Protein backbone atom coordinates (compact mmCIF):
# COMPACT_ATOMS: atom_id res chain seq x y z
CA MET A 1 -181.95 232.88 29.37
CA LYS A 2 -183.09 229.41 30.02
CA THR A 3 -182.16 226.80 27.40
CA SER A 4 -184.75 224.10 26.81
CA ARG A 5 -183.53 220.56 26.76
CA PRO A 6 -184.62 218.28 23.84
CA SER A 7 -187.49 215.96 24.55
CA LEU A 8 -187.04 212.20 24.74
CA VAL A 9 -189.12 211.83 21.51
CA THR A 10 -186.82 214.21 19.68
CA MET A 11 -183.68 212.35 20.85
CA VAL A 12 -185.13 209.04 19.77
CA PHE A 13 -186.04 210.52 16.39
CA VAL A 14 -182.49 211.95 15.85
CA LEU A 15 -180.90 208.67 16.96
CA ALA A 16 -183.09 206.64 14.61
CA ALA A 17 -182.30 209.03 11.73
CA GLY A 18 -178.62 208.69 12.47
CA MET A 19 -178.87 204.93 12.47
CA VAL A 20 -180.68 205.01 9.09
CA MET A 21 -178.01 207.26 7.66
CA MET A 22 -175.22 205.00 8.96
CA ASN A 23 -176.95 201.94 7.54
CA ARG A 24 -177.26 203.67 4.17
CA ILE A 25 -173.64 204.64 4.22
CA ALA A 26 -172.60 201.12 5.20
CA ALA A 27 -174.85 199.67 2.46
CA GLY A 28 -173.37 202.08 -0.08
CA GLN A 29 -169.86 201.19 0.97
CA ALA A 30 -170.67 197.48 0.74
CA LYS A 31 -172.19 198.00 -2.69
CA ASP A 32 -169.15 200.01 -3.81
CA ALA A 33 -166.89 197.22 -2.48
CA GLU A 34 -168.94 194.59 -4.31
CA THR A 35 -168.78 196.68 -7.55
CA SER A 36 -165.05 197.11 -7.11
CA ASP A 37 -164.52 193.44 -6.47
CA ALA A 38 -166.64 192.51 -9.53
CA ALA A 39 -164.68 194.96 -11.66
CA MET A 40 -161.31 193.57 -10.56
CA ALA A 41 -162.32 189.84 -10.80
CA PRO A 42 -160.95 188.07 -13.88
CA ALA A 43 -163.31 186.93 -16.59
CA LEU A 44 -162.43 184.33 -19.27
CA THR A 45 -164.06 183.37 -22.53
CA ILE A 46 -162.36 180.18 -23.60
CA TYR A 47 -162.58 178.86 -27.15
CA ASN A 48 -162.18 175.26 -28.07
CA GLN A 49 -159.48 176.26 -30.53
CA GLN A 50 -156.50 176.69 -28.12
CA PHE A 51 -157.08 180.34 -27.18
CA ALA A 52 -159.08 182.56 -24.82
CA VAL A 53 -160.08 186.16 -24.24
CA VAL A 54 -158.99 187.46 -20.80
CA ARG A 55 -160.63 190.43 -19.05
CA HIS A 56 -159.87 191.78 -15.57
CA GLY A 57 -159.78 195.08 -13.67
CA LEU A 58 -156.57 197.08 -13.42
CA ALA A 59 -156.02 199.58 -10.60
CA LEU A 60 -154.32 202.76 -11.82
CA ASP A 61 -153.00 205.84 -10.00
CA LEU A 62 -152.14 208.37 -12.72
CA LYS A 63 -151.05 211.95 -13.13
CA PRO A 64 -152.32 214.22 -15.93
CA GLY A 65 -150.48 213.68 -19.22
CA GLN A 66 -148.02 210.87 -19.80
CA ASN A 67 -147.38 207.97 -17.34
CA HIS A 68 -145.11 204.97 -17.35
CA VAL A 69 -147.06 201.86 -16.25
CA GLU A 70 -145.93 198.23 -15.99
CA VAL A 71 -148.41 195.35 -15.82
CA THR A 72 -147.25 191.88 -14.74
CA ASP A 73 -150.58 190.19 -13.94
CA ILE A 74 -150.84 188.71 -17.46
CA THR A 75 -150.41 185.32 -19.14
CA GLY A 76 -147.15 184.08 -20.67
CA HIS A 77 -148.79 183.62 -24.09
CA LEU A 78 -150.49 187.01 -24.53
CA GLU A 79 -150.91 188.29 -28.10
CA PRO A 80 -149.54 191.88 -27.69
CA ASP A 81 -151.50 193.37 -30.64
CA SER A 82 -154.79 192.18 -29.11
CA VAL A 83 -154.46 194.33 -25.96
CA PHE A 84 -157.43 196.64 -25.26
CA LEU A 85 -157.61 199.02 -22.35
CA ARG A 86 -160.69 201.12 -21.35
CA SER A 87 -161.43 203.23 -18.36
CA LEU A 88 -164.47 202.37 -16.23
CA ASP A 89 -164.75 206.02 -15.43
CA GLN A 90 -166.41 207.72 -18.42
CA ALA A 91 -164.79 211.05 -17.52
CA ARG A 92 -161.31 209.57 -17.78
CA HIS A 93 -159.75 208.92 -21.18
CA LEU A 94 -156.84 206.50 -21.56
CA ARG A 95 -154.55 206.21 -24.52
CA ILE A 96 -151.63 203.81 -24.89
CA LEU A 97 -148.89 205.79 -26.67
CA GLU A 98 -146.42 202.94 -26.63
CA GLN A 99 -146.42 199.32 -25.58
CA ASN A 100 -143.66 196.86 -24.99
CA TYR A 101 -144.15 193.18 -24.14
CA ARG A 102 -141.42 191.07 -22.60
CA ASN A 103 -141.77 187.36 -21.90
CA ASP A 104 -138.35 186.31 -20.83
CA PRO A 105 -138.72 185.86 -17.05
CA VAL A 106 -135.46 185.22 -15.29
CA SER A 107 -134.62 181.61 -14.42
CA GLU A 108 -131.49 179.64 -13.79
CA GLN A 109 -131.52 178.19 -17.30
CA LEU A 110 -132.11 181.65 -18.88
CA LEU A 111 -129.26 183.19 -16.83
CA LEU A 112 -126.97 180.36 -17.87
CA SER A 113 -127.83 181.08 -21.50
CA LEU A 114 -127.08 184.82 -21.00
CA TYR A 115 -123.64 183.90 -19.62
CA GLU A 116 -122.70 181.39 -22.39
CA GLY A 117 -119.04 181.81 -23.24
CA LYS A 118 -118.29 183.37 -19.84
CA THR A 119 -116.88 182.05 -16.59
CA ILE A 120 -118.90 182.22 -13.35
CA ASP A 121 -118.69 180.78 -9.88
CA PHE A 122 -120.35 177.47 -8.81
CA GLN A 123 -120.90 176.39 -5.20
CA THR A 124 -120.43 172.62 -4.65
CA PRO A 125 -122.46 170.69 -2.02
CA ASP A 126 -119.51 171.00 0.44
CA LYS A 127 -119.65 174.87 -0.01
CA THR A 128 -116.46 174.93 -2.10
CA ILE A 129 -116.41 177.57 -4.82
CA VAL A 130 -115.19 176.43 -8.24
CA GLN A 131 -115.13 178.33 -11.48
CA GLY A 132 -116.59 177.00 -14.72
CA LYS A 133 -116.97 178.35 -18.24
CA ILE A 134 -120.47 177.89 -19.70
CA ILE A 135 -119.99 176.37 -23.14
CA ARG A 136 -123.66 175.50 -23.55
CA SER A 137 -126.38 176.43 -21.08
CA GLY A 138 -128.97 173.72 -21.82
CA PHE A 139 -131.71 176.35 -21.99
CA VAL A 140 -134.69 175.08 -23.98
CA PRO A 141 -136.73 178.06 -25.28
CA HIS A 142 -140.45 177.68 -25.75
CA ALA A 143 -141.48 177.07 -29.32
CA THR A 144 -142.85 180.46 -30.30
CA MET A 145 -146.67 180.66 -30.46
CA LEU A 146 -147.01 176.87 -30.67
CA TYR A 147 -149.55 175.09 -28.51
CA GLY A 148 -151.42 171.84 -28.24
CA GLN A 149 -150.08 168.55 -29.51
CA ARG A 150 -147.71 170.09 -31.98
CA TYR A 151 -146.25 172.23 -29.17
CA TYR A 152 -145.43 169.16 -27.12
CA GLN A 153 -143.97 167.44 -30.21
CA ALA A 154 -141.76 170.43 -30.96
CA GLN A 155 -140.52 170.62 -27.40
CA ALA A 156 -139.85 166.89 -27.28
CA ALA A 157 -137.95 167.00 -30.60
CA TYR A 158 -135.73 169.77 -29.27
CA VAL A 159 -135.05 167.92 -26.07
CA GLN A 160 -134.31 164.64 -27.87
CA GLN A 161 -131.47 166.36 -29.74
CA GLY A 162 -129.56 166.54 -26.45
CA ALA A 163 -129.57 170.32 -26.43
CA GLU A 164 -130.99 170.40 -22.89
CA GLN A 165 -127.74 169.13 -21.42
CA PRO A 166 -125.42 171.90 -20.23
CA VAL A 167 -121.76 171.74 -21.14
CA ILE A 168 -119.42 173.35 -18.56
CA GLU A 169 -115.62 173.61 -18.77
CA VAL A 170 -113.87 173.10 -15.43
CA ASN A 171 -110.14 172.92 -15.21
CA HIS A 172 -109.83 172.62 -19.00
CA LYS A 173 -112.19 169.58 -19.02
CA LEU A 174 -115.79 169.40 -20.33
CA GLN A 175 -118.61 167.96 -18.26
CA PHE A 176 -122.31 167.47 -19.15
CA SER A 177 -123.65 168.66 -15.83
CA LEU A 178 -123.37 171.73 -13.58
CA PRO A 179 -120.43 171.46 -11.10
CA GLY A 180 -122.58 173.02 -8.40
CA GLN A 181 -125.12 175.76 -7.72
CA PRO A 182 -124.37 178.65 -10.11
CA LEU A 183 -123.73 182.00 -8.52
CA PHE A 184 -124.72 184.84 -10.81
CA PRO A 185 -123.89 188.60 -10.62
CA ALA A 186 -126.69 190.87 -9.40
CA LEU A 187 -129.64 191.35 -11.70
CA THR A 188 -129.80 194.34 -13.98
CA ASP A 189 -132.59 196.87 -13.86
CA ASP A 190 -134.16 195.64 -17.10
CA THR A 191 -134.48 192.02 -15.97
CA VAL A 192 -138.06 190.83 -15.72
CA LEU A 193 -139.33 188.29 -13.23
CA LYS A 194 -142.72 187.79 -14.95
CA PRO A 195 -144.15 188.45 -18.37
CA THR A 196 -144.53 192.19 -18.48
CA LEU A 197 -146.44 194.87 -20.47
CA SER A 198 -144.76 198.28 -20.31
CA TRP A 199 -146.90 201.22 -21.34
CA GLU A 200 -146.46 204.90 -21.98
CA LEU A 201 -150.03 205.83 -20.97
CA GLU A 202 -151.69 209.16 -21.54
CA THR A 203 -154.71 210.38 -19.48
CA ASN A 204 -156.70 213.57 -19.05
CA LYS A 205 -157.54 212.97 -15.39
CA ALA A 206 -155.35 212.45 -12.31
CA GLY A 207 -155.99 210.18 -9.43
CA LYS A 208 -156.87 206.56 -8.71
CA GLY A 209 -159.28 204.53 -10.76
CA VAL A 210 -160.00 201.17 -12.30
CA ALA A 211 -159.66 200.25 -15.96
CA GLU A 212 -160.55 197.08 -17.80
CA LEU A 213 -157.72 195.24 -19.48
CA SER A 214 -158.58 192.59 -22.10
CA TYR A 215 -156.47 190.57 -24.51
CA VAL A 216 -156.27 187.34 -26.46
CA THR A 217 -154.03 184.60 -25.19
CA SER A 218 -153.01 181.18 -26.39
CA GLY A 219 -152.36 178.24 -24.11
CA MET A 220 -155.94 177.77 -22.96
CA ASN A 221 -158.53 175.32 -24.25
CA TRP A 222 -161.70 173.46 -23.42
CA GLU A 223 -163.46 170.41 -24.78
CA ALA A 224 -166.62 168.50 -24.17
CA SER A 225 -166.87 164.77 -23.53
CA TYR A 226 -169.90 162.59 -23.05
CA ASN A 227 -170.47 159.33 -21.17
CA VAL A 228 -173.46 157.38 -22.43
CA VAL A 229 -174.79 154.52 -20.37
CA SER A 230 -177.16 151.89 -21.82
CA PRO A 231 -179.09 150.03 -19.12
CA THR A 232 -180.21 146.45 -19.59
CA LYS A 233 -183.54 147.86 -20.75
CA GLU A 234 -183.24 148.26 -24.49
CA GLY A 235 -183.82 151.63 -26.09
CA GLU A 236 -183.08 154.23 -23.36
CA LEU A 237 -179.83 155.89 -22.56
CA GLU A 238 -178.42 158.01 -19.78
CA LEU A 239 -176.11 160.81 -20.99
CA VAL A 240 -173.63 162.82 -18.85
CA GLY A 241 -171.61 165.57 -20.44
CA TRP A 242 -168.38 167.00 -19.02
CA VAL A 243 -166.43 170.12 -19.85
CA THR A 244 -162.67 169.84 -19.44
CA LEU A 245 -160.81 173.19 -19.02
CA ASP A 246 -157.06 173.24 -19.71
CA ASN A 247 -154.95 176.18 -18.56
CA GLN A 248 -151.42 176.21 -19.87
CA SER A 249 -151.22 180.01 -20.08
CA GLY A 250 -148.69 180.63 -17.34
CA LYS A 251 -151.17 182.40 -15.01
CA THR A 252 -153.65 181.42 -12.34
CA PHE A 253 -157.09 183.01 -12.43
CA PRO A 254 -158.66 183.14 -8.91
CA ASN A 255 -162.43 183.24 -8.62
CA ALA A 256 -162.82 183.74 -12.35
CA ARG A 257 -166.07 184.11 -14.21
CA ILE A 258 -165.81 181.59 -17.08
CA LYS A 259 -167.61 181.45 -20.45
CA LEU A 260 -167.06 178.84 -23.10
CA MET A 261 -167.55 179.59 -26.77
CA ALA A 262 -168.64 176.66 -28.98
CA GLY A 263 -168.48 176.77 -32.70
CA ASP A 264 -166.01 177.07 -35.55
CA VAL A 265 -164.74 180.63 -34.97
CA ASN A 266 -162.31 181.70 -37.65
CA LYS A 267 -159.01 182.78 -36.18
CA ILE A 268 -155.87 183.32 -38.22
CA GLN A 269 -153.08 181.03 -37.06
CA PRO A 270 -149.44 181.04 -38.25
CA THR A 271 -148.98 178.12 -40.68
CA GLU A 272 -146.29 176.57 -38.51
CA ILE A 273 -148.68 176.31 -35.59
CA TYR A 274 -151.66 174.41 -36.88
CA ALA A 275 -152.41 172.56 -40.06
CA LYS A 276 -155.98 172.75 -38.85
CA ALA A 277 -157.35 174.38 -35.77
CA ALA A 278 -158.33 171.31 -34.12
CA MET A 279 -173.17 173.31 -23.79
CA ALA A 280 -175.81 172.72 -22.05
CA SER A 281 -179.21 174.21 -21.15
CA ALA A 282 -179.88 176.24 -18.03
CA VAL A 283 -182.76 173.97 -17.04
CA GLY A 284 -182.50 170.45 -15.61
CA ILE A 285 -182.49 167.67 -18.22
CA GLY A 286 -184.78 164.69 -17.67
CA GLY A 287 -185.36 165.67 -14.07
CA ALA A 288 -181.81 164.63 -13.16
CA GLY A 289 -180.72 167.97 -11.68
CA GLU A 290 -179.86 171.45 -12.83
CA SER A 291 -177.00 172.25 -15.18
CA GLN A 292 -174.09 174.31 -13.89
CA PHE A 293 -173.99 176.23 -17.20
CA THR A 294 -176.33 178.74 -18.83
CA GLU A 295 -176.47 178.44 -22.64
CA LYS A 296 -177.45 181.00 -25.19
CA ALA A 297 -176.93 181.67 -28.90
CA PHE A 298 -174.23 184.26 -29.54
CA ASP A 299 -173.86 185.58 -33.06
CA GLU A 300 -173.32 182.38 -35.11
CA TYR A 301 -172.06 180.34 -32.15
CA HIS A 302 -173.18 179.20 -28.76
CA LEU A 303 -171.94 180.59 -25.48
CA TYR A 304 -171.95 178.68 -22.16
CA THR A 305 -171.55 180.56 -18.90
CA LEU A 306 -170.57 178.78 -15.67
CA ASP A 307 -173.08 179.90 -13.04
CA ARG A 308 -170.47 180.36 -10.31
CA PRO A 309 -166.92 181.72 -10.13
CA THR A 310 -164.13 179.17 -9.97
CA THR A 311 -160.33 179.24 -9.62
CA LEU A 312 -158.41 177.99 -12.66
CA HIS A 313 -154.78 177.34 -11.70
CA ASP A 314 -151.89 177.43 -14.11
CA ARG A 315 -151.03 173.98 -15.51
CA GLU A 316 -154.38 172.70 -14.24
CA THR A 317 -157.02 170.59 -15.94
CA LYS A 318 -160.43 171.12 -14.40
CA GLN A 319 -163.63 169.19 -15.22
CA VAL A 320 -167.22 170.41 -14.67
CA GLU A 321 -170.42 168.47 -15.36
CA PHE A 322 -172.56 170.49 -17.74
CA VAL A 323 -175.42 168.25 -18.84
CA ARG A 324 -177.22 165.12 -17.57
CA ALA A 325 -180.07 163.49 -19.36
CA VAL A 326 -182.00 160.26 -18.66
CA GLY A 327 -184.59 158.39 -20.64
CA VAL A 328 -183.03 159.28 -24.03
CA LYS A 329 -184.63 156.94 -26.55
CA SER A 330 -181.97 155.40 -28.81
CA LYS A 331 -181.84 152.76 -31.49
CA THR A 332 -179.00 150.37 -32.29
CA VAL A 333 -178.44 150.43 -36.03
CA TYR A 334 -176.45 147.84 -38.03
CA VAL A 335 -174.97 149.09 -41.31
CA TYR A 336 -173.28 146.93 -43.95
CA ASP A 337 -171.26 148.97 -46.39
CA GLY A 338 -169.64 146.19 -48.47
CA TRP A 339 -167.63 148.28 -50.93
CA LYS A 340 -163.96 148.52 -50.07
CA THR A 341 -161.94 151.28 -51.59
CA ASP A 342 -159.11 150.16 -53.83
CA PRO A 343 -156.12 152.44 -53.26
CA ASN A 344 -154.72 151.70 -56.73
CA TYR A 345 -157.49 153.91 -58.20
CA ARG A 346 -157.09 156.77 -55.72
CA SER A 347 -155.75 159.34 -58.20
CA TRP A 348 -157.58 158.14 -61.33
CA PRO A 349 -160.20 160.41 -62.98
CA MET A 350 -163.78 159.10 -63.00
CA GLU A 351 -163.83 159.13 -66.83
CA THR A 352 -161.16 156.41 -66.72
CA ILE A 353 -162.46 154.47 -63.74
CA ARG A 354 -165.99 154.02 -65.10
CA THR A 355 -164.82 151.48 -67.72
CA GLN A 356 -162.36 149.56 -65.57
CA GLU A 357 -163.79 146.09 -65.02
CA ALA A 358 -161.83 145.36 -61.81
CA PHE A 359 -162.86 148.57 -60.08
CA GLY A 360 -165.22 148.07 -57.13
CA THR A 361 -164.80 144.34 -56.74
CA GLN A 362 -163.07 144.39 -53.34
CA SER A 363 -165.29 143.55 -50.42
CA ASN A 364 -165.50 144.54 -46.73
CA SER A 365 -166.87 141.89 -44.37
CA LYS A 366 -167.53 144.00 -41.29
CA VAL A 367 -170.98 145.17 -40.17
CA TRP A 368 -170.92 148.51 -38.36
CA VAL A 369 -172.71 149.08 -35.03
CA MET A 370 -174.17 152.57 -34.61
CA GLN A 371 -176.22 154.32 -31.99
CA GLU A 372 -178.87 156.67 -33.34
CA PHE A 373 -180.94 159.15 -31.34
CA LYS A 374 -182.47 162.58 -31.84
CA ASN A 375 -181.23 165.66 -29.99
CA SER A 376 -184.77 166.92 -29.26
CA SER A 377 -186.62 168.13 -26.18
CA GLU A 378 -189.17 165.36 -26.66
CA ASN A 379 -186.26 162.95 -26.28
CA HIS A 380 -185.11 164.69 -23.04
CA LEU A 381 -182.26 166.54 -24.84
CA GLY A 382 -182.95 169.40 -27.27
CA ILE A 383 -179.78 171.38 -26.44
CA PRO A 384 -176.82 172.48 -28.56
CA LEU A 385 -174.16 169.80 -27.98
CA PRO A 386 -170.59 171.01 -28.40
CA LYS A 387 -168.14 168.87 -30.38
CA GLY A 388 -166.45 166.17 -28.31
CA ARG A 389 -165.76 162.53 -27.60
CA VAL A 390 -168.65 160.18 -26.76
CA ARG A 391 -167.97 156.99 -24.78
CA PHE A 392 -170.55 154.28 -24.61
CA TYR A 393 -171.13 151.88 -21.74
CA ARG A 394 -173.68 149.14 -21.05
CA ARG A 395 -174.73 147.66 -17.72
CA ASP A 396 -174.28 143.92 -17.46
CA ASP A 397 -176.89 141.81 -15.68
CA ASP A 398 -174.86 142.23 -12.42
CA GLY A 399 -175.10 146.08 -12.78
CA GLN A 400 -171.41 146.57 -13.70
CA LEU A 401 -170.60 149.03 -16.44
CA GLU A 402 -168.75 147.68 -19.48
CA PHE A 403 -167.15 149.91 -22.15
CA THR A 404 -168.72 149.23 -25.63
CA GLY A 405 -167.10 151.84 -27.89
CA GLU A 406 -166.42 155.51 -28.46
CA ASN A 407 -166.34 158.11 -31.20
CA GLU A 408 -166.50 161.85 -31.71
CA ILE A 409 -169.42 164.14 -32.61
CA ASP A 410 -169.23 167.56 -34.26
CA HIS A 411 -171.08 170.61 -32.97
CA THR A 412 -174.72 169.40 -33.08
CA PRO A 413 -177.67 171.82 -32.96
CA LYS A 414 -180.91 170.87 -31.25
CA ASP A 415 -183.42 168.74 -33.17
CA GLU A 416 -180.69 167.13 -35.23
CA GLN A 417 -180.20 163.38 -35.59
CA LEU A 418 -177.09 161.78 -34.06
CA ARG A 419 -175.72 158.59 -35.61
CA ILE A 420 -172.50 157.46 -33.88
CA TYR A 421 -170.31 154.56 -34.94
CA THR A 422 -169.18 152.51 -31.97
CA GLY A 423 -167.50 149.45 -33.48
CA ASN A 424 -168.09 146.32 -35.57
CA ALA A 425 -170.67 143.60 -34.75
CA PHE A 426 -169.09 140.31 -33.69
CA ASP A 427 -172.06 138.08 -34.70
CA LEU A 428 -172.82 139.68 -38.04
CA ALA A 429 -170.82 139.26 -41.24
CA GLY A 430 -171.24 140.30 -44.85
CA GLU A 431 -170.09 139.41 -48.33
CA ARG A 432 -170.36 141.44 -51.53
CA HIS A 433 -169.71 139.81 -54.92
CA ARG A 434 -170.07 141.11 -58.43
CA VAL A 435 -171.86 138.45 -60.47
CA ASP A 436 -172.07 140.10 -63.89
CA PHE A 437 -170.37 142.91 -65.80
CA LYS A 438 -171.15 144.13 -69.35
CA GLN A 439 -170.01 147.26 -71.10
CA ASN A 440 -170.28 148.93 -74.54
CA VAL A 441 -167.74 151.71 -74.76
CA ALA A 442 -169.00 152.82 -78.19
CA ALA A 443 -172.55 153.09 -76.96
CA ARG A 444 -171.27 154.52 -73.64
CA TRP A 445 -172.95 152.24 -71.09
CA VAL A 446 -172.10 149.70 -68.43
CA ASP A 447 -174.34 147.06 -66.75
CA GLU A 448 -173.16 145.66 -63.42
CA SER A 449 -174.85 143.10 -61.08
CA PHE A 450 -174.08 142.32 -57.43
CA GLU A 451 -175.02 139.70 -54.90
CA ILE A 452 -174.79 140.72 -51.18
CA LYS A 453 -175.04 138.26 -48.31
CA VAL A 454 -175.37 139.25 -44.65
CA ARG A 455 -175.27 136.50 -42.01
CA ASN A 456 -176.86 136.85 -38.54
CA HIS A 457 -175.41 134.51 -35.95
CA LYS A 458 -177.31 136.11 -33.07
CA SER A 459 -180.13 134.40 -31.22
CA THR A 460 -182.44 137.31 -32.03
CA PRO A 461 -183.49 138.87 -35.39
CA VAL A 462 -181.79 142.05 -36.52
CA GLU A 463 -182.45 144.86 -38.98
CA VAL A 464 -179.51 145.78 -41.24
CA ARG A 465 -179.11 148.77 -43.57
CA ILE A 466 -177.18 147.67 -46.62
CA VAL A 467 -175.51 150.70 -48.29
CA GLU A 468 -174.38 150.63 -51.89
CA HIS A 469 -172.33 153.28 -53.70
CA LEU A 470 -173.08 153.74 -57.39
CA TYR A 471 -169.58 154.91 -58.10
CA ARG A 472 -169.07 154.48 -61.87
CA TRP A 473 -171.00 157.55 -63.02
CA SER A 474 -173.63 160.12 -62.03
CA MET A 475 -176.23 158.83 -64.49
CA TRP A 476 -177.53 155.45 -63.35
CA ASP A 477 -180.64 153.38 -62.99
CA ILE A 478 -181.29 150.24 -60.93
CA SER A 479 -182.99 148.00 -63.44
CA LYS A 480 -183.41 144.92 -61.22
CA ASN A 481 -183.55 144.54 -57.44
CA SER A 482 -184.64 141.77 -55.06
CA ASP A 483 -185.57 144.22 -52.25
CA PRO A 484 -186.83 147.82 -52.11
CA PHE A 485 -184.27 150.56 -51.70
CA LYS A 486 -184.10 154.23 -50.79
CA LYS A 487 -182.04 156.80 -52.60
CA VAL A 488 -179.75 158.46 -50.03
CA ASP A 489 -177.98 160.91 -52.37
CA ALA A 490 -176.91 161.23 -56.03
CA GLN A 491 -174.67 158.11 -55.87
CA THR A 492 -175.82 156.19 -52.77
CA VAL A 493 -178.77 153.81 -52.07
CA ALA A 494 -179.75 151.88 -48.96
CA PHE A 495 -181.66 148.63 -48.58
CA THR A 496 -183.19 147.93 -45.16
CA VAL A 497 -183.62 144.20 -44.57
CA GLU A 498 -184.77 141.99 -41.69
CA ILE A 499 -182.62 138.95 -40.94
CA PRO A 500 -184.02 136.21 -38.67
CA ALA A 501 -181.99 134.69 -35.87
CA ASP A 502 -179.15 132.47 -37.04
CA SER A 503 -180.02 133.08 -40.69
CA GLU A 504 -178.65 134.62 -43.88
CA LYS A 505 -180.14 137.28 -46.15
CA VAL A 506 -179.23 137.36 -49.88
CA LEU A 507 -179.84 140.59 -51.80
CA THR A 508 -179.27 141.14 -55.51
CA TYR A 509 -179.53 144.20 -57.81
CA GLN A 510 -178.42 145.32 -61.27
CA VAL A 511 -177.41 148.91 -62.15
CA HIS A 512 -177.21 150.47 -65.59
CA TYR A 513 -174.78 153.35 -66.15
CA ALA A 514 -174.81 155.66 -69.18
CA TRP A 515 -172.84 158.75 -70.17
């Protein structure tokens, strides 16, 4: 029987089909690899309150029933009761029956502390072996769950006590240094080299798979800072915002997806840690370039996502630009608040203060300088601005930047007004004098009159807001005034006055209190 050979067309068709199938298989494998890589990659949500949520994939190879699993790819400041583990395979169920967390990685200082009171060998630089008894190891333990400035203060206080110096007895004599390189016995089986989670893990399905491990950790923080440049042209600012990431967690996160949470998130802190737990739009601002962060509202807070993965090394401080705005219209505001608080009355009740003739007679001579602008889209901003430090600069005539002051802003929603104090005016001065005081205790009233002077030594006119606090009682009435005023709140009024160049403005008013 004669066998027919396949035609050339058929062979081409089969070859093409095979190529398509191979491409599909390769594409599927590539997609699976991408999915696997994405599942394993670390993801961080960092809060500007000294903590973060860490998420990353965890490769598991389990048998049915109970398994002993140890995980070392974790931070040194993990909160053990925050650990959450879920399988990415919906058919596999995982249950942590028991968890143990150890954070005492072996080190020379730790081993010295474990052998306190015992004699070990030391190797001197000339390779001689001498024996020494460890009286004190000099091991300085980390202050438990204490981070930020108070952490550094606690560590410094411990070190300053001299406890970091080892005391070794050699030939019946004490010395405050090691006589050589310590030679320790072999490590025991329960010694850990890294912070370790040990689990008794139960599963219903055998084999390899990937789970997601997430937990809360201390030792991480972020903060925003802003540089504001005022050009020689009055009234317009350039604003550049930076995010500073600080990783003191004890772990490096390679190619991590990073989110930043802005807002006052309530988190319970041990009282010994903190007395007080103390970004930008996805579109380009002012045509100056695109932001590297995508911003969105999240619950009652704002979440900022870095648009690209980045590596955050342990003990590293990383800065990323997150906002840039030009053409921000701003106004320089001068404020004279002439009332100076008298500390002698700090604990007095208002019922007693209101009849004290000497109260409120002290005067402040400084005139504040403030920058005022609106965080609106019409003003080339209109984005939620996280809390942070704002530094102001101004260009001199030669183009050089000069520092002109700094302050901090709180979390500021869009369309809110920003008024930032930057310092005191050199060429403006104020005086506040009480010129009359009358009271009738029986009739329960007080009349008080003031004269306020503000001098302008500039070569240009200025507008000054004169703020007065009606501090004696909540029921008051301004019976006489030389200039119009605006009621700011229940016990504050403001006079806005124009002062010509090299001139003085005198303002007077009388207030009547009754109770």
